[in-house]
Amino acid sequence: MKVAFAMIVFNGDMFLKQVLQSIYPYASQIVISEGTVKYWADKGFTTSTDDTNKILSEFPDPEKKISVVHGTYAEKSELCQAYMPFVKQDTDYLWTIDSDEVFKETDIVKVFQLLESRQPASVGFQSNTFFGGTSHILTGFERDHSFKRVLKFAPGCKYSEHRPPTLSSEIGEVINGKKLFELTGVEMYHYSYLSPKQVCEKIQYYKESLSKDNCIDNYFKEIWLKWVLGDTETRNAIEGKYNGVHEFQPGYRGECRTTPFNGTHPKSIADSIGEINQKFNQQLKAYV
């Protein structure tokens, strides 16, 4: 079973090293498209301005698994299409992964075993989506959503769409996140609402280019930042007013509140909690 991992990244240095550490032993190859979509290019950006490129260039690659392409593209579908020529034609599955999505190593093995036994067209994951730090996750529609990530690959197939990730070769059983959890207990650890810098930039992009009126005005300062800096009373008031803490308008997708995380982090995260907290505090200083 050959599974290639594929990533698009722009200013994703907060967890990039940990993601690569978690997948490297299991990947037949890792293909990465680093760069910007038109939204950021129009603001003068052509490549990451944080440590993303440094991490990509310095990450140990003794088995020569990693290929990186840089560029500016119209949107994220085109960013994904840019790494497709690097995917070897004997690949069985393409596992798309964001620079803030980490998996436990035992869970990666379980997914591989499932792919071998069932040969599904695609696999999705339910998510432990971390909010404002490593101790709280999101509930509601964020928890219930199935993040489609693992895609059946065939020689000559095309990357059709990014939302959700789709290959032209996907034919067969679809295993969503809820079903996968029932079968294997596997879920994703998604650190997407943790880095102050990445949250601020992501919401700016969503508000101005994608979600627009469905996204809460001034979300980063009025909700995310106030929640992070607030006491229990402040946090409860925010979640009561907005039916949670997500950037979507309360009436658009429903409830999305926080709850304490009672599980364990993947090893690459657990081993670097101190480093992560230091980065978090350093980034936070720019907004307070």
C-alpha atoms as a PDB file:
ATOM      1  CA  MET A   1       0.000   0.000   0.000  1.00  0.00           C
ATOM      2  CA  LYS A   2       1.545   3.287  -1.137  1.00  0.00           C
ATOM      3  CA  VAL A   3       0.048   6.418   0.393  1.00  0.00           C
ATOM      4  CA  ALA A   4       1.351   9.807  -0.671  1.00  0.00           C
ATOM      5  CA  PHE A   5       0.673  12.749   1.623  1.00  0.00           C
ATOM      6  CA  ALA A   6      -0.104  16.081  -0.027  1.00  0.00           C
ATOM      7  CA  MET A   7      -0.126  19.565   1.460  1.00  0.00           C
ATOM      8  CA  ILE A   8      -0.659  23.178   0.473  1.00  0.00           C
ATOM      9  CA  VAL A   9       0.859  25.730   2.830  1.00  0.00           C
ATOM     10  CA  PHE A  10       1.282  29.475   3.256  1.00  0.00           C
ATOM     11  CA  ASN A  11       2.572  30.908   6.548  1.00  0.00           C
ATOM     12  CA  GLY A  12       1.999  27.621   8.335  1.00  0.00           C
ATOM     13  CA  ASP A  13       5.103  27.332  10.507  1.00  0.00           C
ATOM     14  CA  MET A  14       3.318  26.872  13.858  1.00  0.00           C
ATOM     15  CA  PHE A  15       2.732  23.107  13.451  1.00  0.00           C
ATOM     16  CA  LEU A  16       4.398  22.278  10.132  1.00  0.00           C
ATOM     17  CA  LYS A  17       7.358  20.485  11.697  1.00  0.00           C
ATOM     18  CA  GLN A  18       5.069  18.380  13.901  1.00  0.00           C
ATOM     19  CA  VAL A  19       2.870  17.425  10.944  1.00  0.00           C
ATOM     20  CA  LEU A  20       5.880  16.286   8.924  1.00  0.00           C
ATOM     21  CA  GLN A  21       7.273  14.352  11.890  1.00  0.00           C
ATOM     22  CA  SER A  22       3.999  12.461  12.322  1.00  0.00           C
ATOM     23  CA  ILE A  23       3.591  11.412   8.679  1.00  0.00           C
ATOM     24  CA  TYR A  24       7.149  10.947   7.409  1.00  0.00           C
ATOM     25  CA  PRO A  25       7.668   7.306   8.512  1.00  0.00           C
ATOM     26  CA  TYR A  26       4.431   6.205   6.822  1.00  0.00           C
ATOM     27  CA  ALA A  27       4.437   8.214   3.606  1.00  0.00           C
ATOM     28  CA  SER A  28       5.524   6.736   0.292  1.00  0.00           C
ATOM     29  CA  GLN A  29       6.171  10.378  -0.572  1.00  0.00           C
ATOM     30  CA  ILE A  30       5.193  13.878   0.576  1.00  0.00           C
ATOM     31  CA  VAL A  31       4.276  16.468  -2.039  1.00  0.00           C
ATOM     32  CA  ILE A  32       3.919  20.094  -0.989  1.00  0.00           C
ATOM     33  CA  SER A  33       2.741  23.202  -2.796  1.00  0.00           C
ATOM     34  CA  GLU A  34       3.949  26.306  -0.976  1.00  0.00           C
ATOM     35  CA  GLY A  35       2.711  29.702  -2.002  1.00  0.00           C
ATOM     36  CA  THR A  36      -0.175  32.097  -2.236  1.00  0.00           C
ATOM     37  CA  VAL A  37      -3.609  32.366  -3.748  1.00  0.00           C
ATOM     38  CA  LYS A  38      -4.555  35.505  -5.670  1.00  0.00           C
ATOM     39  CA  TYR A  39      -6.057  37.112  -2.561  1.00  0.00           C
ATOM     40  CA  TRP A  40      -2.641  37.256  -0.863  1.00  0.00           C
ATOM     41  CA  ALA A  41      -0.729  37.905  -4.073  1.00  0.00           C
ATOM     42  CA  ASP A  42      -2.833  41.046  -4.591  1.00  0.00           C
ATOM     43  CA  LYS A  43      -1.600  42.198  -1.178  1.00  0.00           C
ATOM     44  CA  GLY A  44       2.023  41.770  -2.254  1.00  0.00           C
ATOM     45  CA  PHE A  45       2.796  38.266  -0.977  1.00  0.00           C
ATOM     46  CA  THR A  46       4.431  35.676  -3.237  1.00  0.00           C
ATOM     47  CA  THR A  47       5.655  33.204  -0.610  1.00  0.00           C
ATOM     48  CA  SER A  48       5.489  32.545   3.124  1.00  0.00           C
ATOM     49  CA  THR A  49       6.976  35.254   5.333  1.00  0.00           C
ATOM     50  CA  ASP A  50       7.316  33.141   8.492  1.00  0.00           C
ATOM     51  CA  ASP A  51       9.567  30.088   8.996  1.00  0.00           C
ATOM     52  CA  THR A  52       7.595  27.822   6.637  1.00  0.00           C
ATOM     53  CA  ASN A  53      10.250  27.726   3.908  1.00  0.00           C
ATOM     54  CA  LYS A  54      13.035  27.286   6.462  1.00  0.00           C
ATOM     55  CA  ILE A  55      11.261  24.258   7.937  1.00  0.00           C
ATOM     56  CA  LEU A  56      10.633  22.774   4.484  1.00  0.00           C
ATOM     57  CA  SER A  57      14.245  23.192   3.425  1.00  0.00           C
ATOM     58  CA  GLU A  58      15.780  21.924   6.668  1.00  0.00           C
ATOM     59  CA  PHE A  59      13.426  19.067   7.572  1.00  0.00           C
ATOM     60  CA  PRO A  60      15.404  15.775   7.563  1.00  0.00           C
ATOM     61  CA  ASP A  61      14.588  13.752   4.447  1.00  0.00           C
ATOM     62  CA  PRO A  62      16.975  10.767   4.383  1.00  0.00           C
ATOM     63  CA  GLU A  63      14.656   8.738   2.145  1.00  0.00           C
ATOM     64  CA  LYS A  64      14.142  11.601  -0.352  1.00  0.00           C
ATOM     65  CA  LYS A  65      10.387  11.512   0.063  1.00  0.00           C
ATOM     66  CA  ILE A  66       9.657  15.246   0.018  1.00  0.00           C
ATOM     67  CA  SER A  67       8.992  17.337  -3.104  1.00  0.00           C
ATOM     68  CA  VAL A  68       8.142  21.037  -2.855  1.00  0.00           C
ATOM     69  CA  VAL A  69       6.868  23.388  -5.533  1.00  0.00           C
ATOM     70  CA  HIS A  70       6.518  27.148  -5.005  1.00  0.00           C
ATOM     71  CA  GLY A  71       4.226  29.570  -6.770  1.00  0.00           C
ATOM     72  CA  THR A  72       1.246  31.891  -6.869  1.00  0.00           C
ATOM     73  CA  TYR A  73      -2.092  30.506  -8.013  1.00  0.00           C
ATOM     74  CA  ALA A  74      -5.669  31.652  -8.497  1.00  0.00           C
ATOM     75  CA  GLU A  75      -7.140  29.614  -5.647  1.00  0.00           C
ATOM     76  CA  LYS A  76      -6.486  26.557  -3.486  1.00  0.00           C
ATOM     77  CA  SER A  77      -7.626  24.068  -6.140  1.00  0.00           C
ATOM     78  CA  GLU A  78      -4.836  25.351  -8.381  1.00  0.00           C
ATOM     79  CA  LEU A  79      -2.354  25.117  -5.508  1.00  0.00           C
ATOM     80  CA  CYS A  80      -3.261  21.440  -5.180  1.00  0.00           C
ATOM     81  CA  GLN A  81      -3.064  20.845  -8.906  1.00  0.00           C
ATOM     82  CA  ALA A  82       0.512  22.169  -8.795  1.00  0.00           C
ATOM     83  CA  TYR A  83       1.755  19.214  -6.700  1.00  0.00           C
ATOM     84  CA  MET A  84      -0.054  16.548  -8.723  1.00  0.00           C
ATOM     85  CA  PRO A  85       2.743  16.074 -11.318  1.00  0.00           C
ATOM     86  CA  PHE A  86       5.035  14.976  -8.458  1.00  0.00           C
ATOM     87  CA  VAL A  87       2.707  12.169  -7.313  1.00  0.00           C
ATOM     88  CA  LYS A  88       4.080   8.829  -8.500  1.00  0.00           C
ATOM     89  CA  GLN A  89       1.727   6.844 -10.702  1.00  0.00           C
ATOM     90  CA  ASP A  90       1.945   3.700  -8.567  1.00  0.00           C
ATOM     91  CA  THR A  91       0.367   5.574  -5.625  1.00  0.00           C
ATOM     92  CA  ASP A  92      -2.725   3.881  -4.156  1.00  0.00           C
ATOM     93  CA  TYR A  93      -4.074   6.781  -2.101  1.00  0.00           C
ATOM     94  CA  LEU A  94      -3.468  10.513  -1.791  1.00  0.00           C
ATOM     95  CA  TRP A  95      -3.844  11.716   1.817  1.00  0.00           C
ATOM     96  CA  THR A  96      -4.375  15.475   1.743  1.00  0.00           C
ATOM     97  CA  ILE A  97      -3.311  17.155   4.954  1.00  0.00           C
ATOM     98  CA  ASP A  98      -3.176  20.749   6.193  1.00  0.00           C
ATOM     99  CA  SER A  99      -0.166  22.203   7.980  1.00  0.00           C
ATOM    100  CA  ASP A 100      -2.111  22.213  11.267  1.00  0.00           C
ATOM    101  CA  GLU A 101      -3.576  18.680  11.086  1.00  0.00           C
ATOM    102  CA  VAL A 102      -1.754  16.046  13.141  1.00  0.00           C
ATOM    103  CA  PHE A 103      -2.505  12.342  13.550  1.00  0.00           C
ATOM    104  CA  LYS A 104      -1.407   9.809  16.110  1.00  0.00           C
ATOM    105  CA  GLU A 105       0.990   7.309  14.578  1.00  0.00           C
ATOM    106  CA  THR A 106      -1.138   4.350  15.689  1.00  0.00           C
ATOM    107  CA  ASP A 107      -4.133   5.959  13.983  1.00  0.00           C
ATOM    108  CA  ILE A 108      -2.256   6.332  10.703  1.00  0.00           C
ATOM    109  CA  VAL A 109      -1.579   2.584  10.824  1.00  0.00           C
ATOM    110  CA  LYS A 110      -5.273   1.895  11.455  1.00  0.00           C
ATOM    111  CA  VAL A 111      -6.260   3.997   8.435  1.00  0.00           C
ATOM    112  CA  PHE A 112      -3.747   2.149   6.248  1.00  0.00           C
ATOM    113  CA  GLN A 113      -5.230  -1.158   7.381  1.00  0.00           C
ATOM    114  CA  LEU A 114      -8.721   0.093   6.541  1.00  0.00           C
ATOM    115  CA  LEU A 115      -7.585   1.179   3.079  1.00  0.00           C
ATOM    116  CA  GLU A 116      -6.094  -2.267   2.465  1.00  0.00           C
ATOM    117  CA  SER A 117      -9.183  -4.144   3.581  1.00  0.00           C
ATOM    118  CA  ARG A 118     -12.008  -2.003   2.162  1.00  0.00           C
ATOM    119  CA  GLN A 119     -10.446  -0.070  -0.739  1.00  0.00           C
ATOM    120  CA  PRO A 120     -12.794   2.921  -0.262  1.00  0.00           C
ATOM    121  CA  ALA A 121     -13.078   5.807  -2.687  1.00  0.00           C
ATOM    122  CA  SER A 122     -12.462   8.313   0.090  1.00  0.00           C
ATOM    123  CA  VAL A 123     -12.113   8.640   3.855  1.00  0.00           C
ATOM    124  CA  GLY A 124     -13.056  11.563   6.070  1.00  0.00           C
ATOM    125  CA  PHE A 125     -12.251  12.386   9.694  1.00  0.00           C
ATOM    126  CA  GLN A 126     -14.113  13.886  12.590  1.00  0.00           C
ATOM    127  CA  SER A 127     -12.005  16.495  14.300  1.00  0.00           C
ATOM    128  CA  ASN A 128     -10.676  17.546  17.655  1.00  0.00           C
ATOM    129  CA  THR A 129     -10.424  21.188  16.586  1.00  0.00           C
ATOM    130  CA  PHE A 130      -8.395  23.145  19.120  1.00  0.00           C
ATOM    131  CA  PHE A 131      -9.452  26.661  20.009  1.00  0.00           C
ATOM    132  CA  GLY A 132      -7.376  29.342  21.720  1.00  0.00           C
ATOM    133  CA  GLY A 133      -4.774  26.901  23.033  1.00  0.00           C
ATOM    134  CA  THR A 134      -4.175  23.191  23.503  1.00  0.00           C
ATOM    135  CA  SER A 135      -6.751  22.676  26.275  1.00  0.00           C
ATOM    136  CA  HIS A 136     -10.098  23.361  24.537  1.00  0.00           C
ATOM    137  CA  ILE A 137     -11.774  21.955  21.423  1.00  0.00           C
ATOM    138  CA  LEU A 138     -14.842  22.945  19.416  1.00  0.00           C
ATOM    139  CA  THR A 139     -18.129  21.078  19.593  1.00  0.00           C
ATOM    140  CA  GLY A 140     -21.302  21.406  17.500  1.00  0.00           C
ATOM    141  CA  PHE A 141     -21.087  21.500  13.740  1.00  0.00           C
ATOM    142  CA  GLU A 142     -17.275  21.592  13.782  1.00  0.00           C
ATOM    143  CA  ARG A 143     -17.147  18.295  15.661  1.00  0.00           C
ATOM    144  CA  ASP A 144     -19.903  16.747  13.524  1.00  0.00           C
ATOM    145  CA  HIS A 145     -18.319  17.739  10.202  1.00  0.00           C
ATOM    146  CA  SER A 146     -16.505  15.079   8.180  1.00  0.00           C
ATOM    147  CA  PHE A 147     -13.202  16.416   6.860  1.00  0.00           C
ATOM    148  CA  LYS A 148     -12.628  14.514   3.624  1.00  0.00           C
ATOM    149  CA  ARG A 149      -8.911  13.821   3.329  1.00  0.00           C
ATOM    150  CA  VAL A 150      -7.885  10.399   1.952  1.00  0.00           C
ATOM    151  CA  LEU A 151      -8.588   9.953  -1.769  1.00  0.00           C
ATOM    152  CA  LYS A 152      -8.289   6.887  -3.998  1.00  0.00           C
ATOM    153  CA  PHE A 153      -5.621   7.506  -6.624  1.00  0.00           C
ATOM    154  CA  ALA A 154      -5.381   6.113 -10.162  1.00  0.00           C
ATOM    155  CA  PRO A 155      -2.741   6.748 -12.848  1.00  0.00           C
ATOM    156  CA  GLY A 156      -3.532   9.881 -14.812  1.00  0.00           C
ATOM    157  CA  CYS A 157      -6.215  11.117 -12.422  1.00  0.00           C
ATOM    158  CA  LYS A 158      -6.816  14.830 -11.939  1.00  0.00           C
ATOM    159  CA  TYR A 159      -7.315  16.987  -8.876  1.00  0.00           C
ATOM    160  CA  SER A 160     -10.830  18.218  -9.482  1.00  0.00           C
ATOM    161  CA  GLU A 161     -11.795  20.366  -6.505  1.00  0.00           C
ATOM    162  CA  HIS A 162     -10.491  21.529  -3.142  1.00  0.00           C
ATOM    163  CA  ARG A 163     -13.763  22.105  -1.278  1.00  0.00           C
ATOM    164  CA  PRO A 164     -13.959  19.225  -0.516  1.00  0.00           C
ATOM    165  CA  PRO A 165     -10.746  17.608  -1.825  1.00  0.00           C
ATOM    166  CA  THR A 166     -11.720  15.492  -4.815  1.00  0.00           C
ATOM    167  CA  LEU A 167      -9.842  13.396  -7.374  1.00  0.00           C
ATOM    168  CA  SER A 168     -11.325  12.331 -10.696  1.00  0.00           C
ATOM    169  CA  SER A 169     -10.535   8.689  -9.810  1.00  0.00           C
ATOM    170  CA  GLU A 170     -12.773   8.388  -6.743  1.00  0.00           C
ATOM    171  CA  ILE A 171     -15.206   5.526  -7.342  1.00  0.00           C
ATOM    172  CA  GLY A 172     -16.540   3.293  -4.588  1.00  0.00           C
ATOM    173  CA  GLU A 173     -17.352   3.407  -0.884  1.00  0.00           C
ATOM    174  CA  VAL A 174     -17.277   6.742   0.945  1.00  0.00           C
ATOM    175  CA  ILE A 175     -16.302   6.474   4.609  1.00  0.00           C
ATOM    176  CA  ASN A 176     -17.128   9.664   6.479  1.00  0.00           C
ATOM    177  CA  GLY A 177     -15.670  10.773   9.786  1.00  0.00           C
ATOM    178  CA  LYS A 178     -18.424   9.339  11.957  1.00  0.00           C
ATOM    179  CA  LYS A 179     -18.205   5.949  10.244  1.00  0.00           C
ATOM    180  CA  LEU A 180     -14.416   5.917  10.469  1.00  0.00           C
ATOM    181  CA  PHE A 181     -14.583   6.626  14.198  1.00  0.00           C
ATOM    182  CA  GLU A 182     -17.103   3.801  14.659  1.00  0.00           C
ATOM    183  CA  LEU A 183     -14.866   1.395  12.741  1.00  0.00           C
ATOM    184  CA  THR A 184     -11.461   2.369  14.089  1.00  0.00           C
ATOM    185  CA  GLY A 185     -11.678   5.053  16.786  1.00  0.00           C
ATOM    186  CA  VAL A 186      -9.531   7.312  14.582  1.00  0.00           C
ATOM    187  CA  GLU A 187     -10.018  11.070  14.573  1.00  0.00           C
ATOM    188  CA  MET A 188      -8.016  14.110  13.544  1.00  0.00           C
ATOM    189  CA  TYR A 189      -6.208  16.560  15.819  1.00  0.00           C
ATOM    190  CA  HIS A 190      -6.736  19.913  14.164  1.00  0.00           C
ATOM    191  CA  TYR A 191      -4.859  22.899  15.604  1.00  0.00           C
ATOM    192  CA  SER A 192      -6.558  25.406  13.322  1.00  0.00           C
ATOM    193  CA  TYR A 193      -7.827  27.967  15.875  1.00  0.00           C
ATOM    194  CA  LEU A 194      -4.692  28.098  18.020  1.00  0.00           C
ATOM    195  CA  SER A 195      -1.991  30.249  16.382  1.00  0.00           C
ATOM    196  CA  PRO A 196      -2.922  33.961  16.804  1.00  0.00           C
ATOM    197  CA  LYS A 197      -1.193  34.928  13.559  1.00  0.00           C
ATOM    198  CA  GLN A 198      -2.684  32.115  11.504  1.00  0.00           C
ATOM    199  CA  VAL A 199      -6.188  32.635  12.907  1.00  0.00           C
ATOM    200  CA  CYS A 200      -6.030  36.366  12.190  1.00  0.00           C
ATOM    201  CA  GLU A 201      -4.814  35.839   8.600  1.00  0.00           C
ATOM    202  CA  LYS A 202      -7.199  32.943   7.919  1.00  0.00           C
ATOM    203  CA  ILE A 203     -10.273  34.834   9.082  1.00  0.00           C
ATOM    204  CA  GLN A 204      -9.250  37.895   7.089  1.00  0.00           C
ATOM    205  CA  TYR A 205      -9.047  35.725   3.961  1.00  0.00           C
ATOM    206  CA  TYR A 206     -12.354  33.983   4.695  1.00  0.00           C
ATOM    207  CA  LYS A 207     -14.190  37.228   5.444  1.00  0.00           C
ATOM    208  CA  GLU A 208     -12.965  39.144   2.409  1.00  0.00           C
ATOM    209  CA  SER A 209     -12.715  36.360  -0.175  1.00  0.00           C
ATOM    210  CA  LEU A 210     -14.894  33.370   0.748  1.00  0.00           C
ATOM    211  CA  SER A 211     -17.490  33.450   3.540  1.00  0.00           C
ATOM    212  CA  LYS A 212     -18.039  37.230   3.403  1.00  0.00           C
ATOM    213  CA  ASP A 213     -21.419  38.102   4.987  1.00  0.00           C
ATOM    214  CA  ASN A 214     -21.644  34.635   6.570  1.00  0.00           C
ATOM    215  CA  CYS A 215     -18.552  35.509   8.611  1.00  0.00           C
ATOM    216  CA  ILE A 216     -18.861  37.623  11.779  1.00  0.00           C
ATOM    217  CA  ASP A 217     -17.486  41.148  11.445  1.00  0.00           C
ATOM    218  CA  ASN A 218     -14.246  41.805  13.352  1.00  0.00           C
ATOM    219  CA  TYR A 219     -14.285  38.166  14.506  1.00  0.00           C
ATOM    220  CA  PHE A 220     -10.629  37.949  15.513  1.00  0.00           C
ATOM    221  CA  LYS A 221     -10.697  40.860  17.985  1.00  0.00           C
ATOM    222  CA  GLU A 222     -14.294  40.609  19.178  1.00  0.00           C
ATOM    223  CA  ILE A 223     -14.502  36.843  19.693  1.00  0.00           C
ATOM    224  CA  TRP A 224     -11.245  34.903  19.355  1.00  0.00           C
ATOM    225  CA  LEU A 225      -8.968  37.399  21.120  1.00  0.00           C
ATOM    226  CA  LYS A 226     -11.477  38.335  23.839  1.00  0.00           C
ATOM    227  CA  TRP A 227     -12.111  34.643  24.539  1.00  0.00           C
ATOM    228  CA  VAL A 228      -8.394  33.871  24.794  1.00  0.00           C
ATOM    229  CA  LEU A 229      -7.724  36.809  27.126  1.00  0.00           C
ATOM    230  CA  GLY A 230     -10.972  36.544  29.082  1.00  0.00           C
ATOM    231  CA  ASP A 231     -11.933  34.879  32.334  1.00  0.00           C
ATOM    232  CA  THR A 232     -14.644  32.222  32.626  1.00  0.00           C
ATOM    233  CA  GLU A 233     -17.422  34.802  32.873  1.00  0.00           C
ATOM    234  CA  THR A 234     -16.214  36.614  29.735  1.00  0.00           C
ATOM    235  CA  ARG A 235     -15.881  33.378  27.796  1.00  0.00           C
ATOM    236  CA  ASN A 236     -19.368  32.235  28.782  1.00  0.00           C
ATOM    237  CA  ALA A 237     -20.814  35.595  27.747  1.00  0.00           C
ATOM    238  CA  ILE A 238     -19.150  35.377  24.319  1.00  0.00           C
ATOM    239  CA  GLU A 239     -20.367  31.835  23.715  1.00  0.00           C
ATOM    240  CA  GLY A 240     -23.863  32.759  24.868  1.00  0.00           C
ATOM    241  CA  LYS A 241     -24.060  35.750  22.541  1.00  0.00           C
ATOM    242  CA  TYR A 242     -22.735  33.974  19.446  1.00  0.00           C
ATOM    243  CA  ASN A 243     -23.921  30.420  20.151  1.00  0.00           C
ATOM    244  CA  GLY A 244     -20.274  29.463  20.354  1.00  0.00           C
ATOM    245  CA  VAL A 245     -16.987  30.873  19.101  1.00  0.00           C
ATOM    246  CA  HIS A 246     -16.869  30.026  15.388  1.00  0.00           C
ATOM    247  CA  GLU A 247     -16.431  32.766  12.792  1.00  0.00           C
ATOM    248  CA  PHE A 248     -19.690  31.890  11.036  1.00  0.00           C
ATOM    249  CA  GLN A 249     -22.767  33.930  11.878  1.00  0.00           C
ATOM    250  CA  PRO A 250     -24.748  32.080  14.612  1.00  0.00           C
ATOM    251  CA  GLY A 251     -27.702  31.414  12.324  1.00  0.00           C
ATOM    252  CA  TYR A 252     -25.633  30.101   9.426  1.00  0.00           C
ATOM    253  CA  ARG A 253     -24.403  26.706  10.645  1.00  0.00           C
ATOM    254  CA  GLY A 254     -25.594  26.449  14.221  1.00  0.00           C
ATOM    255  CA  GLU A 255     -23.948  25.922  17.591  1.00  0.00           C
ATOM    256  CA  CYS A 256     -20.173  25.627  17.984  1.00  0.00           C
ATOM    257  CA  ARG A 257     -19.138  26.003  21.616  1.00  0.00           C
ATOM    258  CA  THR A 258     -15.914  25.031  23.372  1.00  0.00           C
ATOM    259  CA  THR A 259     -15.317  22.158  25.759  1.00  0.00           C
ATOM    260  CA  PRO A 260     -12.207  21.067  27.663  1.00  0.00           C
ATOM    261  CA  PHE A 261     -10.024  18.566  25.807  1.00  0.00           C
ATOM    262  CA  ASN A 262      -9.718  15.434  27.919  1.00  0.00           C
ATOM    263  CA  GLY A 263      -7.723  13.289  25.509  1.00  0.00           C
ATOM    264  CA  THR A 264      -4.033  13.033  24.693  1.00  0.00           C
ATOM    265  CA  HIS A 265      -2.185  14.873  21.941  1.00  0.00           C
ATOM    266  CA  PRO A 266      -0.254  13.133  19.164  1.00  0.00           C
ATOM    267  CA  LYS A 267       3.364  12.488  20.166  1.00  0.00           C
ATOM    268  CA  SER A 268       4.876  15.193  17.941  1.00  0.00           C
ATOM    269  CA  ILE A 269       2.615  17.760  19.627  1.00  0.00           C
ATOM    270  CA  ALA A 270       3.025  16.407  23.165  1.00  0.00           C
ATOM    271  CA  ASP A 271       6.810  16.455  22.776  1.00  0.00           C
ATOM    272  CA  SER A 272       6.785  20.133  21.794  1.00  0.00           C
ATOM    273  CA  ILE A 273       4.053  21.652  23.995  1.00  0.00           C
ATOM    274  CA  GLY A 274       6.576  24.004  25.581  1.00  0.00           C
ATOM    275  CA  GLU A 275       7.757  25.252  22.184  1.00  0.00           C
ATOM    276  CA  ILE A 276       4.163  25.641  20.980  1.00  0.00           C
ATOM    277  CA  ASN A 277       3.142  27.641  24.050  1.00  0.00           C
ATOM    278  CA  GLN A 278       6.183  29.882  23.642  1.00  0.00           C
ATOM    279  CA  LYS A 279       5.288  30.584  19.998  1.00  0.00           C
ATOM    280  CA  PHE A 280       1.675  31.226  21.004  1.00  0.00           C
ATOM    281  CA  ASN A 281       2.666  33.805  23.617  1.00  0.00           C
ATOM    282  CA  GLN A 282       5.134  35.495  21.272  1.00  0.00           C
ATOM    283  CA  GLN A 283       2.491  35.813  18.532  1.00  0.00           C
ATOM    284  CA  LEU A 284      -0.139  36.999  20.994  1.00  0.00           C
ATOM    285  CA  LYS A 285       1.973  40.004  21.987  1.00  0.00           C
ATOM    286  CA  ALA A 286       1.414  41.486  18.525  1.00  0.00           C
ATOM    287  CA  TYR A 287      -2.349  41.732  19.139  1.00  0.00           C
ATOM    288  CA  VAL A 288      -2.617  42.899  22.754  1.00  0.00           C
END
